[in-house]
Amino acid sequence: MTLFSKIISGAIPSYKIAEDEKFYAFLDIFPLAKGHVLVVPKTETDRFFDLDPIYLSELLVFAQPIARAIEKTFPCNRCGLSVIGLEVPHAHVHLVPIFSADDLNFTRPKLSLSPAELASIQAELVQALSNLP
């Protein structure tokens, strides 16, 4: 069972943003920026592009309103998307509020946010998501 499967099952706590029968989105606890969200398929697949094509497209459709909520909630030029997949052997995408391409540089130092800050970001994103048309 991967770290993400443990998060999805509730064995490891997370700051959930959205969930349906196929996908789970939650805050990265070591984010590049406030509002950095991970979108994870509930099926354990190591490599992102090994996902079934239909499932892959559904993941992006699931991520779309979350990206819109990020853009609505955090100052940025847009919500950037990155597929890295080296740290956890479970396909996932990163949604990050960005001003430039350099803001998706994963070698940069990560933010260290308190549980209260993460909970506040979670609440803001969940609220923004619920207010989307």
N, C-alpha and C. Protein backbone atom coordinates (compact mmCIF):
# COMPACT_ATOMS: atom_id res chain seq x y z
N MET A 1 0.85 -1.18 0.00
CA MET A 1 0.00 0.00 0.00
C MET A 1 0.90 1.24 0.00
N THR A 2 0.65 2.15 -0.96
CA THR A 2 1.48 3.35 -1.05
C THR A 2 1.08 4.37 0.02
N LEU A 3 1.94 5.34 0.22
CA LEU A 3 1.65 6.44 1.14
C LEU A 3 0.33 7.10 0.75
N PHE A 4 0.12 7.32 -0.55
CA PHE A 4 -1.12 7.97 -0.98
C PHE A 4 -2.34 7.09 -0.74
N SER A 5 -2.21 5.78 -0.90
CA SER A 5 -3.33 4.88 -0.60
C SER A 5 -3.67 4.93 0.88
N LYS A 6 -2.65 5.07 1.72
CA LYS A 6 -2.89 5.20 3.16
C LYS A 6 -3.60 6.51 3.48
N ILE A 7 -3.24 7.58 2.76
CA ILE A 7 -3.93 8.86 2.94
C ILE A 7 -5.37 8.74 2.48
N ILE A 8 -5.59 8.15 1.31
CA ILE A 8 -6.94 8.00 0.77
C ILE A 8 -7.82 7.18 1.72
N SER A 9 -7.25 6.13 2.31
CA SER A 9 -8.03 5.26 3.21
C SER A 9 -8.28 5.90 4.58
N GLY A 10 -7.56 6.98 4.89
CA GLY A 10 -7.71 7.63 6.18
C GLY A 10 -6.74 7.12 7.23
N ALA A 11 -5.87 6.17 6.85
CA ALA A 11 -4.87 5.65 7.80
C ALA A 11 -3.85 6.73 8.15
N ILE A 12 -3.62 7.66 7.23
CA ILE A 12 -2.77 8.82 7.47
C ILE A 12 -3.65 10.04 7.24
N PRO A 13 -3.67 10.98 8.19
CA PRO A 13 -4.54 12.15 8.02
C PRO A 13 -4.07 13.06 6.88
N SER A 14 -5.01 13.80 6.30
CA SER A 14 -4.68 14.74 5.24
C SER A 14 -5.63 15.92 5.31
N TYR A 15 -5.30 16.93 4.53
CA TYR A 15 -6.14 18.10 4.40
C TYR A 15 -6.88 17.97 3.07
N LYS A 16 -7.98 17.20 3.10
CA LYS A 16 -8.73 16.87 1.89
C LYS A 16 -9.39 18.11 1.30
N ILE A 17 -9.27 18.20 -0.02
CA ILE A 17 -9.92 19.28 -0.77
C ILE A 17 -11.14 18.76 -1.51
N ALA A 18 -11.02 17.59 -2.13
CA ALA A 18 -12.13 17.01 -2.88
C ALA A 18 -11.91 15.51 -3.02
N GLU A 19 -13.02 14.80 -3.26
CA GLU A 19 -12.94 13.35 -3.43
C GLU A 19 -14.17 12.89 -4.20
N ASP A 20 -13.97 11.89 -5.05
CA ASP A 20 -15.08 11.17 -5.64
C ASP A 20 -14.72 9.69 -5.65
N GLU A 21 -15.44 8.87 -6.38
CA GLU A 21 -15.19 7.43 -6.34
C GLU A 21 -13.85 7.04 -6.97
N LYS A 22 -13.26 7.92 -7.79
CA LYS A 22 -12.02 7.57 -8.48
C LYS A 22 -10.79 8.37 -8.06
N PHE A 23 -11.00 9.57 -7.48
CA PHE A 23 -9.87 10.47 -7.23
C PHE A 23 -9.96 11.12 -5.85
N TYR A 24 -8.80 11.56 -5.39
CA TYR A 24 -8.69 12.20 -4.08
C TYR A 24 -7.73 13.37 -4.24
N ALA A 25 -8.10 14.54 -3.74
CA ALA A 25 -7.25 15.73 -3.80
C ALA A 25 -7.03 16.25 -2.39
N PHE A 26 -5.78 16.58 -2.09
CA PHE A 26 -5.43 17.04 -0.75
C PHE A 26 -4.24 17.98 -0.81
N LEU A 27 -4.07 18.77 0.25
CA LEU A 27 -2.95 19.70 0.30
C LEU A 27 -1.63 18.97 0.43
N ASP A 28 -0.63 19.46 -0.30
CA ASP A 28 0.74 19.01 -0.09
C ASP A 28 1.19 19.63 1.23
N ILE A 29 1.66 18.84 2.17
CA ILE A 29 2.05 19.40 3.47
C ILE A 29 3.43 20.05 3.45
N PHE A 30 4.17 19.87 2.34
CA PHE A 30 5.43 20.58 2.12
C PHE A 30 5.32 21.27 0.77
N PRO A 31 4.49 22.32 0.70
CA PRO A 31 4.15 22.91 -0.59
C PRO A 31 5.21 23.84 -1.16
N LEU A 32 5.14 24.01 -2.49
CA LEU A 32 5.94 25.04 -3.14
C LEU A 32 5.33 26.42 -2.89
N ALA A 33 4.02 26.47 -2.73
CA ALA A 33 3.29 27.72 -2.48
C ALA A 33 2.02 27.38 -1.72
N LYS A 34 1.47 28.36 -1.04
CA LYS A 34 0.18 28.15 -0.37
C LYS A 34 -0.86 27.82 -1.43
N GLY A 35 -1.60 26.73 -1.21
CA GLY A 35 -2.60 26.31 -2.17
C GLY A 35 -2.14 25.16 -3.05
N HIS A 36 -0.96 24.62 -2.81
CA HIS A 36 -0.41 23.49 -3.57
C HIS A 36 -1.20 22.22 -3.23
N VAL A 37 -1.84 21.65 -4.25
CA VAL A 37 -2.72 20.50 -4.07
C VAL A 37 -2.21 19.31 -4.88
N LEU A 38 -2.32 18.12 -4.31
CA LEU A 38 -2.03 16.88 -5.02
C LEU A 38 -3.34 16.23 -5.43
N VAL A 39 -3.42 15.79 -6.67
CA VAL A 39 -4.58 15.06 -7.17
C VAL A 39 -4.12 13.65 -7.49
N VAL A 40 -4.76 12.67 -6.85
CA VAL A 40 -4.29 11.29 -6.88
C VAL A 40 -5.42 10.35 -7.32
N PRO A 41 -5.14 9.46 -8.26
CA PRO A 41 -6.14 8.44 -8.57
C PRO A 41 -6.19 7.43 -7.42
N LYS A 42 -7.36 6.88 -7.16
CA LYS A 42 -7.48 5.91 -6.08
C LYS A 42 -6.89 4.56 -6.47
N THR A 43 -6.70 4.33 -7.73
CA THR A 43 -6.05 3.11 -8.17
C THR A 43 -4.53 3.28 -8.06
N GLU A 44 -3.85 2.29 -7.55
CA GLU A 44 -2.39 2.37 -7.41
C GLU A 44 -1.72 2.05 -8.74
N THR A 45 -1.24 3.10 -9.38
CA THR A 45 -0.45 2.97 -10.60
C THR A 45 0.79 3.82 -10.38
N ASP A 46 1.96 3.24 -10.59
CA ASP A 46 3.20 3.95 -10.32
C ASP A 46 3.41 5.13 -11.26
N ARG A 47 3.32 4.88 -12.55
CA ARG A 47 3.64 5.90 -13.54
C ARG A 47 2.37 6.55 -14.08
N PHE A 48 2.38 7.87 -14.08
CA PHE A 48 1.21 8.65 -14.48
C PHE A 48 0.70 8.25 -15.86
N PHE A 49 1.58 8.10 -16.82
CA PHE A 49 1.14 7.81 -18.18
C PHE A 49 0.87 6.33 -18.42
N ASP A 50 0.93 5.52 -17.36
CA ASP A 50 0.46 4.14 -17.44
C ASP A 50 -1.03 4.04 -17.10
N LEU A 51 -1.62 5.14 -16.65
CA LEU A 51 -3.06 5.14 -16.38
C LEU A 51 -3.81 4.91 -17.69
N ASP A 52 -4.93 4.22 -17.61
CA ASP A 52 -5.81 4.02 -18.75
C ASP A 52 -6.16 5.39 -19.34
N PRO A 53 -6.21 5.54 -20.66
CA PRO A 53 -6.50 6.85 -21.26
C PRO A 53 -7.79 7.51 -20.77
N ILE A 54 -8.83 6.74 -20.59
CA ILE A 54 -10.09 7.32 -20.10
C ILE A 54 -9.92 7.81 -18.67
N TYR A 55 -9.28 7.00 -17.84
CA TYR A 55 -9.04 7.37 -16.43
C TYR A 55 -8.16 8.62 -16.37
N LEU A 56 -7.17 8.70 -17.24
CA LEU A 56 -6.27 9.85 -17.29
C LEU A 56 -7.06 11.11 -17.62
N SER A 57 -7.93 11.03 -18.59
CA SER A 57 -8.72 12.21 -18.95
C SER A 57 -9.69 12.58 -17.81
N GLU A 58 -10.24 11.59 -17.15
CA GLU A 58 -11.15 11.86 -16.03
C GLU A 58 -10.41 12.55 -14.87
N LEU A 59 -9.15 12.21 -14.68
CA LEU A 59 -8.36 12.85 -13.64
C LEU A 59 -8.24 14.34 -13.92
N LEU A 60 -7.99 14.70 -15.16
CA LEU A 60 -7.88 16.12 -15.50
C LEU A 60 -9.21 16.84 -15.36
N VAL A 61 -10.30 16.18 -15.69
CA VAL A 61 -11.62 16.78 -15.52
C VAL A 61 -11.90 16.98 -14.02
N PHE A 62 -11.51 16.01 -13.18
CA PHE A 62 -11.66 16.14 -11.73
C PHE A 62 -10.82 17.31 -11.20
N ALA A 63 -9.61 17.48 -11.75
CA ALA A 63 -8.69 18.53 -11.28
C ALA A 63 -9.12 19.93 -11.72
N GLN A 64 -9.86 20.04 -12.79
CA GLN A 64 -10.20 21.35 -13.36
C GLN A 64 -10.86 22.31 -12.37
N PRO A 65 -11.93 21.93 -11.68
CA PRO A 65 -12.52 22.89 -10.73
C PRO A 65 -11.59 23.20 -9.55
N ILE A 66 -10.76 22.26 -9.18
CA ILE A 66 -9.80 22.51 -8.09
C ILE A 66 -8.81 23.58 -8.54
N ALA A 67 -8.33 23.48 -9.78
CA ALA A 67 -7.43 24.50 -10.33
C ALA A 67 -8.11 25.87 -10.34
N ARG A 68 -9.37 25.89 -10.72
CA ARG A 68 -10.12 27.16 -10.73
C ARG A 68 -10.25 27.73 -9.32
N ALA A 69 -10.49 26.86 -8.34
CA ALA A 69 -10.59 27.31 -6.94
C ALA A 69 -9.25 27.86 -6.45
N ILE A 70 -8.15 27.21 -6.86
CA ILE A 70 -6.82 27.70 -6.49
C ILE A 70 -6.60 29.10 -7.05
N GLU A 71 -6.93 29.28 -8.34
CA GLU A 71 -6.74 30.59 -8.97
C GLU A 71 -7.61 31.66 -8.34
N LYS A 72 -8.77 31.28 -7.87
CA LYS A 72 -9.71 32.21 -7.24
C LYS A 72 -9.25 32.60 -5.83
N THR A 73 -8.54 31.68 -5.17
CA THR A 73 -8.21 31.85 -3.75
C THR A 73 -6.83 32.45 -3.50
N PHE A 74 -5.86 32.15 -4.35
CA PHE A 74 -4.48 32.57 -4.10
C PHE A 74 -3.98 33.47 -5.22
N PRO A 75 -3.24 34.53 -4.85
CA PRO A 75 -2.68 35.40 -5.89
C PRO A 75 -1.76 34.58 -6.80
N CYS A 76 -2.03 34.65 -8.11
CA CYS A 76 -1.21 33.93 -9.08
C CYS A 76 -1.61 34.35 -10.49
N ASN A 77 -0.75 34.05 -11.46
CA ASN A 77 -1.11 34.27 -12.86
C ASN A 77 -1.99 33.14 -13.37
N ARG A 78 -1.77 31.94 -12.82
CA ARG A 78 -2.57 30.77 -13.18
C ARG A 78 -2.22 29.62 -12.24
N CYS A 79 -2.95 28.53 -12.40
CA CYS A 79 -2.63 27.31 -11.66
C CYS A 79 -1.76 26.45 -12.56
N GLY A 80 -0.54 26.19 -12.13
CA GLY A 80 0.36 25.33 -12.88
C GLY A 80 0.11 23.87 -12.54
N LEU A 81 0.42 23.00 -13.49
CA LEU A 81 0.26 21.57 -13.30
C LEU A 81 1.60 20.91 -13.57
N SER A 82 1.98 19.99 -12.69
CA SER A 82 3.24 19.28 -12.88
C SER A 82 3.06 17.81 -12.54
N VAL A 83 3.69 16.97 -13.34
CA VAL A 83 3.75 15.53 -13.08
C VAL A 83 5.21 15.21 -12.84
N ILE A 84 5.55 14.82 -11.63
CA ILE A 84 6.93 14.46 -11.30
C ILE A 84 6.98 12.97 -11.02
N GLY A 85 6.35 12.54 -9.93
CA GLY A 85 6.19 11.13 -9.66
C GLY A 85 7.41 10.37 -9.19
N LEU A 86 8.38 11.06 -8.63
CA LEU A 86 9.59 10.36 -8.19
C LEU A 86 9.59 10.01 -6.71
N GLU A 87 8.92 10.80 -5.89
CA GLU A 87 8.98 10.59 -4.44
C GLU A 87 8.03 9.51 -3.94
N VAL A 88 6.87 9.39 -4.57
CA VAL A 88 5.87 8.40 -4.15
C VAL A 88 5.49 7.59 -5.39
N PRO A 89 5.61 6.26 -5.33
CA PRO A 89 5.30 5.43 -6.50
C PRO A 89 3.80 5.23 -6.70
N HIS A 90 3.11 6.36 -6.86
CA HIS A 90 1.65 6.37 -7.05
C HIS A 90 1.37 7.60 -7.92
N ALA A 91 0.83 7.38 -9.10
CA ALA A 91 0.58 8.47 -10.05
C ALA A 91 -0.14 9.63 -9.36
N HIS A 92 0.25 10.86 -9.71
CA HIS A 92 -0.40 12.04 -9.16
C HIS A 92 0.04 13.27 -9.94
N VAL A 93 -0.75 14.33 -9.79
CA VAL A 93 -0.38 15.62 -10.36
C VAL A 93 -0.34 16.65 -9.24
N HIS A 94 0.51 17.64 -9.45
CA HIS A 94 0.61 18.77 -8.55
C HIS A 94 -0.10 19.95 -9.19
N LEU A 95 -0.98 20.61 -8.45
CA LEU A 95 -1.62 21.85 -8.87
C LEU A 95 -1.06 22.95 -7.97
N VAL A 96 -0.39 23.93 -8.58
CA VAL A 96 0.33 24.94 -7.80
C VAL A 96 0.00 26.33 -8.34
N PRO A 97 -0.37 27.28 -7.46
CA PRO A 97 -0.54 28.66 -7.93
C PRO A 97 0.83 29.22 -8.33
N ILE A 98 0.91 29.74 -9.56
CA ILE A 98 2.22 30.19 -10.06
C ILE A 98 2.14 31.59 -10.69
N PHE A 99 3.28 32.26 -10.71
CA PHE A 99 3.46 33.51 -11.45
C PHE A 99 4.36 33.28 -12.65
N SER A 100 5.27 32.29 -12.55
CA SER A 100 6.18 31.99 -13.65
C SER A 100 6.49 30.49 -13.65
N ALA A 101 7.10 30.02 -14.72
CA ALA A 101 7.45 28.60 -14.82
C ALA A 101 8.41 28.20 -13.70
N ASP A 102 9.23 29.11 -13.25
CA ASP A 102 10.18 28.80 -12.18
C ASP A 102 9.48 28.44 -10.88
N ASP A 103 8.23 28.85 -10.72
CA ASP A 103 7.48 28.52 -9.51
C ASP A 103 7.16 27.03 -9.42
N LEU A 104 7.37 26.30 -10.52
CA LEU A 104 7.18 24.84 -10.52
C LEU A 104 8.52 24.10 -10.40
N ASN A 105 9.54 24.78 -9.93
CA ASN A 105 10.86 24.18 -9.74
C ASN A 105 10.87 23.43 -8.40
N PHE A 106 10.80 22.11 -8.47
CA PHE A 106 10.69 21.30 -7.26
C PHE A 106 12.01 21.14 -6.51
N THR A 107 13.08 21.76 -7.01
CA THR A 107 14.33 21.75 -6.25
C THR A 107 14.39 22.95 -5.30
N ARG A 108 13.43 23.87 -5.43
CA ARG A 108 13.36 25.02 -4.52
C ARG A 108 12.97 24.56 -3.13
N PRO A 109 13.35 25.33 -2.12
CA PRO A 109 12.91 24.99 -0.76
C PRO A 109 11.39 25.03 -0.66
N LYS A 110 10.85 24.10 0.10
CA LYS A 110 9.41 24.02 0.31
C LYS A 110 9.01 24.90 1.49
N LEU A 111 7.76 25.29 1.53
CA LEU A 111 7.26 26.05 2.67
C LEU A 111 7.06 25.13 3.86
N SER A 112 7.19 25.69 5.04
CA SER A 112 6.91 24.95 6.26
C SER A 112 5.72 25.63 6.93
N LEU A 113 4.55 25.02 6.78
CA LEU A 113 3.32 25.62 7.29
C LEU A 113 2.84 24.87 8.53
N SER A 114 2.24 25.60 9.44
CA SER A 114 1.71 24.98 10.65
C SER A 114 0.41 24.25 10.32
N PRO A 115 0.00 23.33 11.19
CA PRO A 115 -1.30 22.68 10.99
C PRO A 115 -2.45 23.69 10.89
N ALA A 116 -2.39 24.77 11.65
CA ALA A 116 -3.43 25.79 11.59
C ALA A 116 -3.45 26.48 10.23
N GLU A 117 -2.27 26.77 9.68
CA GLU A 117 -2.19 27.39 8.35
C GLU A 117 -2.74 26.45 7.28
N LEU A 118 -2.36 25.17 7.37
CA LEU A 118 -2.86 24.19 6.40
C LEU A 118 -4.38 24.05 6.50
N ALA A 119 -4.90 24.02 7.71
CA ALA A 119 -6.35 23.91 7.89
C ALA A 119 -7.07 25.14 7.34
N SER A 120 -6.47 26.31 7.49
CA SER A 120 -7.05 27.54 6.95
C SER A 120 -7.06 27.51 5.42
N ILE A 121 -5.97 27.07 4.82
CA ILE A 121 -5.89 26.95 3.36
C ILE A 121 -6.92 25.94 2.87
N GLN A 122 -7.01 24.82 3.57
CA GLN A 122 -8.00 23.80 3.22
C GLN A 122 -9.41 24.41 3.22
N ALA A 123 -9.75 25.11 4.27
CA ALA A 123 -11.09 25.70 4.39
C ALA A 123 -11.34 26.71 3.26
N GLU A 124 -10.35 27.52 2.94
CA GLU A 124 -10.50 28.50 1.86
C GLU A 124 -10.74 27.81 0.52
N LEU A 125 -9.97 26.77 0.24
CA LEU A 125 -10.12 26.07 -1.04
C LEU A 125 -11.45 25.32 -1.13
N VAL A 126 -11.84 24.65 -0.06
CA VAL A 126 -13.11 23.92 -0.06
C VAL A 126 -14.26 24.91 -0.26
N GLN A 127 -14.18 26.07 0.39
CA GLN A 127 -15.21 27.10 0.22
C GLN A 127 -15.23 27.62 -1.21
N ALA A 128 -14.07 27.92 -1.78
CA ALA A 128 -14.00 28.41 -3.15
C ALA A 128 -14.54 27.37 -4.12
N LEU A 129 -14.23 26.12 -3.87
CA LEU A 129 -14.70 25.03 -4.73
C LEU A 129 -16.22 24.93 -4.68
N SER A 130 -16.78 25.10 -3.50
CA SER A 130 -18.24 24.99 -3.36
C SER A 130 -18.96 26.19 -3.98
N ASN A 131 -18.25 27.29 -4.19
CA ASN A 131 -18.87 28.50 -4.77
C ASN A 131 -18.68 28.61 -6.27
N LEU A 132 -18.03 27.64 -6.88
CA LEU A 132 -17.84 27.71 -8.33
C LEU A 132 -19.17 27.46 -9.03
N PRO A 133 -19.35 28.11 -10.17
CA PRO A 133 -20.60 27.88 -10.93
C PRO A 133 -20.69 26.46 -11.47
